[in-house]
C-alpha atoms as a PDB file:
ATOM      1  CA  MET A   1      12.346 153.258 -76.811  1.00  0.00           C
ATOM      2  CA  SER A   2      14.824 150.659 -75.110  1.00  0.00           C
ATOM      3  CA  ARG A   3      16.149 152.685 -72.888  1.00  0.00           C
ATOM      4  CA  TRP A   4      12.589 152.560 -71.324  1.00  0.00           C
ATOM      5  CA  VAL A   5      12.688 148.418 -70.777  1.00  0.00           C
ATOM      6  CA  PRO A   6      14.061 148.380 -67.460  1.00  0.00           C
ATOM      7  CA  PHE A   7      11.604 151.064 -65.767  1.00  0.00           C
ATOM      8  CA  GLY A   8       8.736 149.180 -67.309  1.00  0.00           C
ATOM      9  CA  LEU A   9       9.780 145.453 -65.982  1.00  0.00           C
ATOM     10  CA  VAL A  10      10.169 147.080 -62.303  1.00  0.00           C
ATOM     11  CA  SER A  11       7.224 148.860 -63.249  1.00  0.00           C
ATOM     12  CA  LEU A  12       5.205 145.511 -63.926  1.00  0.00           C
ATOM     13  CA  VAL A  13       6.916 144.281 -60.224  1.00  0.00           C
ATOM     14  CA  TRP A  14       5.455 147.353 -58.724  1.00  0.00           C
ATOM     15  CA  LEU A  15       2.136 147.226 -59.840  1.00  0.00           C
ATOM     16  CA  PHE A  16       2.366 143.739 -59.167  1.00  0.00           C
ATOM     17  CA  LEU A  17       2.994 144.325 -55.181  1.00  0.00           C
ATOM     18  CA  VAL A  18       0.554 147.820 -55.317  1.00  0.00           C
ATOM     19  CA  ILE A  19      -2.384 145.549 -56.094  1.00  0.00           C
ATOM     20  CA  LYS A  20      -1.354 142.446 -53.907  1.00  0.00           C
ATOM     21  CA  ASN A  21      -1.187 144.291 -50.724  1.00  0.00           C
ATOM     22  CA  TYR A  22      -4.447 146.831 -51.909  1.00  0.00           C
ATOM     23  CA  ARG A  23      -6.028 143.257 -52.064  1.00  0.00           C
ATOM     24  CA  GLN A  24      -5.301 142.310 -48.772  1.00  0.00           C
ATOM     25  CA  HIS A  25      -5.844 146.098 -47.270  1.00  0.00           C
ATOM     26  CA  GLN A  26      -2.455 146.802 -46.273  1.00  0.00           C
ATOM     27  CA  TYR A  27      -2.310 150.365 -47.706  1.00  0.00           C
ATOM     28  CA  ARG A  28       0.981 151.628 -45.345  1.00  0.00           C
ATOM     29  CA  ARG A  29       2.500 148.505 -47.570  1.00  0.00           C
ATOM     30  CA  MET A  30       1.025 150.251 -50.769  1.00  0.00           C
ATOM     31  CA  LEU A  31       2.305 152.867 -50.082  1.00  0.00           C
ATOM     32  CA  TRP A  32       5.777 151.829 -49.822  1.00  0.00           C
ATOM     33  CA  TRP A  33       5.445 150.238 -52.905  1.00  0.00           C
ATOM     34  CA  LEU A  34       4.396 153.195 -54.553  1.00  0.00           C
ATOM     35  CA  GLY A  35       6.995 154.839 -52.995  1.00  0.00           C
ATOM     36  CA  CYS A  36       9.862 152.552 -54.296  1.00  0.00           C
ATOM     37  CA  TRP A  37       8.012 153.068 -57.816  1.00  0.00           C
ATOM     38  CA  GLY A  38       8.120 156.873 -57.149  1.00  0.00           C
ATOM     39  CA  LEU A  39      11.991 156.560 -56.691  1.00  0.00           C
ATOM     40  CA  SER A  40      12.054 154.183 -59.447  1.00  0.00           C
ATOM     41  CA  ALA A  41      10.953 156.993 -61.814  1.00  0.00           C
ATOM     42  CA  LEU A  42      13.003 159.178 -60.822  1.00  0.00           C
ATOM     43  CA  THR A  43      16.253 157.687 -60.904  1.00  0.00           C
ATOM     44  CA  TRP A  44      15.676 154.423 -63.732  1.00  0.00           C
ATOM     45  CA  THR A  45      14.204 156.471 -66.842  1.00  0.00           C
ATOM     46  CA  PRO A  46      16.355 157.596 -69.627  1.00  0.00           C
ATOM     47  CA  LEU A  47      15.002 161.261 -68.181  1.00  0.00           C
ATOM     48  CA  ALA A  48      17.800 163.424 -66.033  1.00  0.00           C
ATOM     49  CA  PHE A  49      17.548 166.217 -64.464  1.00  0.00           C
ATOM     50  CA  SER A  50      20.106 168.433 -63.289  1.00  0.00           C
ATOM     51  CA  PHE A  51      19.728 171.583 -61.047  1.00  0.00           C
ATOM     52  CA  GLY A  52      23.253 172.755 -61.721  1.00  0.00           C
ATOM     53  CA  THR A  53      25.191 175.412 -64.604  1.00  0.00           C
ATOM     54  CA  ASP A  54      27.249 173.888 -67.449  1.00  0.00           C
ATOM     55  CA  GLY A  55      30.410 175.781 -65.700  1.00  0.00           C
ATOM     56  CA  GLU A  56      29.284 173.963 -62.340  1.00  0.00           C
ATOM     57  CA  LEU A  57      28.816 170.345 -64.417  1.00  0.00           C
ATOM     58  CA  ALA A  58      32.107 170.817 -66.044  1.00  0.00           C
ATOM     59  CA  GLN A  59      33.972 171.189 -62.472  1.00  0.00           C
ATOM     60  CA  ILE A  60      32.723 167.688 -61.338  1.00  0.00           C
ATOM     61  CA  HIS A  61      35.369 164.547 -61.449  1.00  0.00           C
ATOM     62  CA  THR A  62      33.918 162.206 -63.680  1.00  0.00           C
ATOM     63  CA  SER A  63      34.592 159.146 -65.377  1.00  0.00           C
ATOM     64  CA  TRP A  64      33.171 157.066 -68.374  1.00  0.00           C
ATOM     65  CA  TRP A  65      32.793 153.467 -67.568  1.00  0.00           C
ATOM     66  CA  SER A  66      30.241 150.608 -68.543  1.00  0.00           C
ATOM     67  CA  GLY A  67      28.110 152.690 -70.826  1.00  0.00           C
ATOM     68  CA  GLY A  68      28.065 156.146 -67.999  1.00  0.00           C
ATOM     69  CA  VAL A  69      29.028 159.018 -66.468  1.00  0.00           C
ATOM     70  CA  TRP A  70      30.479 157.991 -62.952  1.00  0.00           C
ATOM     71  CA  VAL A  71      31.021 160.464 -60.004  1.00  0.00           C
ATOM     72  CA  LEU A  72      33.122 158.696 -56.955  1.00  0.00           C
ATOM     73  CA  ARG A  73      34.761 161.649 -55.530  1.00  0.00           C
ATOM     74  CA  PRO A  74      32.253 161.794 -52.708  1.00  0.00           C
ATOM     75  CA  PHE A  75      31.580 165.879 -51.514  1.00  0.00           C
ATOM     76  CA  ASP A  76      33.228 167.490 -54.350  1.00  0.00           C
ATOM     77  CA  PRO A  77      31.923 171.329 -53.717  1.00  0.00           C
ATOM     78  CA  ALA A  78      31.119 170.997 -57.684  1.00  0.00           C
ATOM     79  CA  ASP A  79      28.726 168.232 -56.891  1.00  0.00           C
ATOM     80  CA  MET A  80      26.621 170.719 -53.649  1.00  0.00           C
ATOM     81  CA  ASP A  81      24.220 171.962 -56.140  1.00  0.00           C
ATOM     82  CA  THR A  82      19.925 172.229 -55.943  1.00  0.00           C
ATOM     83  CA  SER A  83      20.388 168.137 -56.653  1.00  0.00           C
ATOM     84  CA  PHE A  84      22.863 167.008 -53.849  1.00  0.00           C
ATOM     85  CA  TRP A  85      19.392 168.619 -51.261  1.00  0.00           C
ATOM     86  CA  LEU A  86      16.746 167.161 -53.620  1.00  0.00           C
ATOM     87  CA  ASN A  87      17.864 163.441 -53.022  1.00  0.00           C
ATOM     88  CA  ILE A  88      17.814 163.722 -49.412  1.00  0.00           C
ATOM     89  CA  VAL A  89      14.694 165.344 -49.753  1.00  0.00           C
ATOM     90  CA  MET A  90      13.326 162.558 -52.004  1.00  0.00           C
ATOM     91  CA  THR A  91      14.246 159.827 -50.263  1.00  0.00           C
ATOM     92  CA  MET A  92      12.875 161.277 -46.802  1.00  0.00           C
ATOM     93  CA  PRO A  93       8.987 159.829 -47.547  1.00  0.00           C
ATOM     94  CA  GLN A  94      10.615 156.302 -48.205  1.00  0.00           C
ATOM     95  CA  GLY A  95      12.119 156.303 -44.644  1.00  0.00           C
ATOM     96  CA  MET A  96       8.796 157.776 -42.879  1.00  0.00           C
ATOM     97  CA  LEU A  97       7.027 154.571 -45.177  1.00  0.00           C
ATOM     98  CA  LEU A  98       9.824 152.275 -43.609  1.00  0.00           C
ATOM     99  CA  CYS A  99       8.800 153.256 -39.626  1.00  0.00           C
ATOM    100  CA  LEU A 100       5.454 153.010 -40.133  1.00  0.00           C
ATOM    101  CA  ASN A 101       5.381 149.727 -41.932  1.00  0.00           C
ATOM    102  CA  TRP A 102       8.098 148.255 -39.578  1.00  0.00           C
ATOM    103  CA  PRO A 103       7.778 149.934 -36.570  1.00  0.00           C
ATOM    104  CA  ARG A 104       9.998 147.774 -34.527  1.00  0.00           C
ATOM    105  CA  LEU A 105      12.788 148.510 -36.763  1.00  0.00           C
ATOM    106  CA  ARG A 106      15.703 150.231 -35.001  1.00  0.00           C
ATOM    107  CA  TRP A 107      18.666 152.407 -35.965  1.00  0.00           C
ATOM    108  CA  PRO A 108      20.889 150.257 -36.795  1.00  0.00           C
ATOM    109  CA  GLN A 109      18.319 148.902 -39.543  1.00  0.00           C
ATOM    110  CA  TRP A 110      17.639 152.049 -40.750  1.00  0.00           C
ATOM    111  CA  LEU A 111      21.101 152.670 -41.466  1.00  0.00           C
ATOM    112  CA  LEU A 112      21.182 149.411 -43.724  1.00  0.00           C
ATOM    113  CA  ALA A 113      17.569 150.329 -45.434  1.00  0.00           C
ATOM    114  CA  GLY A 114      19.151 153.750 -46.148  1.00  0.00           C
ATOM    115  CA  LEU A 115      22.459 152.649 -47.755  1.00  0.00           C
ATOM    116  CA  GLY A 116      20.127 149.482 -49.319  1.00  0.00           C
ATOM    117  CA  THR A 117      18.002 152.398 -50.495  1.00  0.00           C
ATOM    118  CA  GLY A 118      21.147 154.363 -52.132  1.00  0.00           C
ATOM    119  CA  LEU A 119      22.796 151.308 -53.563  1.00  0.00           C
ATOM    120  CA  ALA A 120      19.700 150.197 -55.602  1.00  0.00           C
ATOM    121  CA  LEU A 121      19.424 153.236 -56.633  1.00  0.00           C
ATOM    122  CA  GLU A 122      22.165 154.347 -58.452  1.00  0.00           C
ATOM    123  CA  GLY A 123      23.021 150.300 -59.357  1.00  0.00           C
ATOM    124  CA  GLY A 124      19.715 150.381 -61.181  1.00  0.00           C
ATOM    125  CA  GLN A 125      21.283 153.428 -63.396  1.00  0.00           C
ATOM    126  CA  ALA A 126      24.600 151.772 -63.463  1.00  0.00           C
ATOM    127  CA  ILE A 127      22.747 148.345 -64.639  1.00  0.00           C
ATOM    128  CA  GLY A 128      21.032 150.943 -66.888  1.00  0.00           C
ATOM    129  CA  ASN A 129      23.597 152.599 -68.238  1.00  0.00           C
ATOM    130  CA  ALA A 130      25.260 149.194 -69.299  1.00  0.00           C
ATOM    131  CA  LEU A 131      22.315 147.561 -70.534  1.00  0.00           C
ATOM    132  CA  VAL A 132      20.291 149.711 -72.507  1.00  0.00           C
ATOM    133  CA  SER A 133      22.448 152.844 -72.480  1.00  0.00           C
ATOM    134  CA  LEU A 134      20.135 154.839 -70.088  1.00  0.00           C
ATOM    135  CA  GLY A 135      22.459 157.975 -69.393  1.00  0.00           C
ATOM    136  CA  ARG A 136      22.477 158.467 -66.168  1.00  0.00           C
ATOM    137  CA  TRP A 137      24.976 159.514 -64.151  1.00  0.00           C
ATOM    138  CA  VAL A 138      26.043 156.872 -61.130  1.00  0.00           C
ATOM    139  CA  ASP A 139      27.333 159.183 -58.389  1.00  0.00           C
ATOM    140  CA  ILE A 140      28.508 158.040 -54.897  1.00  0.00           C
ATOM    141  CA  ASN A 141      27.054 161.600 -53.634  1.00  0.00           C
ATOM    142  CA  ASP A 142      23.737 160.301 -54.429  1.00  0.00           C
ATOM    143  CA  VAL A 143      24.592 157.324 -52.713  1.00  0.00           C
ATOM    144  CA  ILE A 144      25.128 159.207 -49.625  1.00  0.00           C
ATOM    145  CA  THR A 145      21.826 161.616 -50.044  1.00  0.00           C
ATOM    146  CA  ASN A 146      19.347 158.583 -50.788  1.00  0.00           C
ATOM    147  CA  PHE A 147      21.129 157.024 -47.706  1.00  0.00           C
ATOM    148  CA  THR A 148      20.526 160.292 -45.593  1.00  0.00           C
ATOM    149  CA  GLY A 149      17.109 160.971 -46.437  1.00  0.00           C
ATOM    150  CA  VAL A 150      15.757 157.596 -45.513  1.00  0.00           C
ATOM    151  CA  VAL A 151      17.565 157.741 -42.049  1.00  0.00           C
ATOM    152  CA  LEU A 152      16.358 161.259 -41.716  1.00  0.00           C
ATOM    153  CA  GLY A 153      13.138 160.372 -42.807  1.00  0.00           C
ATOM    154  CA  ALA A 154      12.475 157.652 -40.236  1.00  0.00           C
ATOM    155  CA  LEU A 155      14.094 160.085 -37.495  1.00  0.00           C
ATOM    156  CA  VAL A 156      11.425 162.225 -38.501  1.00  0.00           C
ATOM    157  CA  MET A 157       8.416 159.734 -38.117  1.00  0.00           C
ATOM    158  CA  THR A 158       9.861 158.485 -35.045  1.00  0.00           C
ATOM    159  CA  TRP A 159       9.724 161.473 -33.417  1.00  0.00           C
ATOM    160  CA  VAL A 160       6.120 162.144 -34.340  1.00  0.00           C
ATOM    161  CA  THR A 161       5.013 159.326 -33.489  1.00  0.00           C
ATOM    162  CA  ARG A 162       6.304 159.129 -30.313  1.00  0.00           C
ATOM    163  CA  HIS A 163       5.746 163.248 -29.750  1.00  0.00           C
ATOM    164  CA  TRP A 164       1.920 162.375 -30.321  1.00  0.00           C
ATOM    165  CA  SER A 165       2.032 159.048 -29.198  1.00  0.00           C
ATOM    166  CA  ILE A 166       1.020 157.559 -31.996  1.00  0.00           C
ATOM    167  CA  ASP A 167       0.456 153.730 -31.703  1.00  0.00           C
ATOM    168  CA  LEU A 168       2.152 151.697 -35.271  1.00  0.00           C
ATOM    169  CA  ASP A 169       0.877 148.594 -34.425  1.00  0.00           C
END
């Protein structure tokens, strides 16, 4: 039960921010915080999903550190399973919401937001592993794919708004 405490505490923060933005009629910003909650639910709960076979997982180079499994070698062929690509898809909506909420941001800020997202999600898993044995893998590939998803989402939304001449302000 204690493994759910970090997600529960973070959920209270997201709930507060969602309600605050709802009351202020800032619905785009409310969707941003709901997206943050969704990413937290997918990454900071003790429920882990794997889309690789046991044989593929055994080939991944891992280290055990601070209560969890760490993958520090990027782009290992064994890591390039379905979950690698799903991590990109998972964070693309947050990149789209980034553009909807802060339309004046430019690509350097998108890069920072993508990197911040990847580091926050994997950092949360590392902290959860250390504090409550969350049981999640902390993977450099996830940082890279989360980063990529946010940036791609921002690019897609920028293209959509320019292609259809949508004013976000």
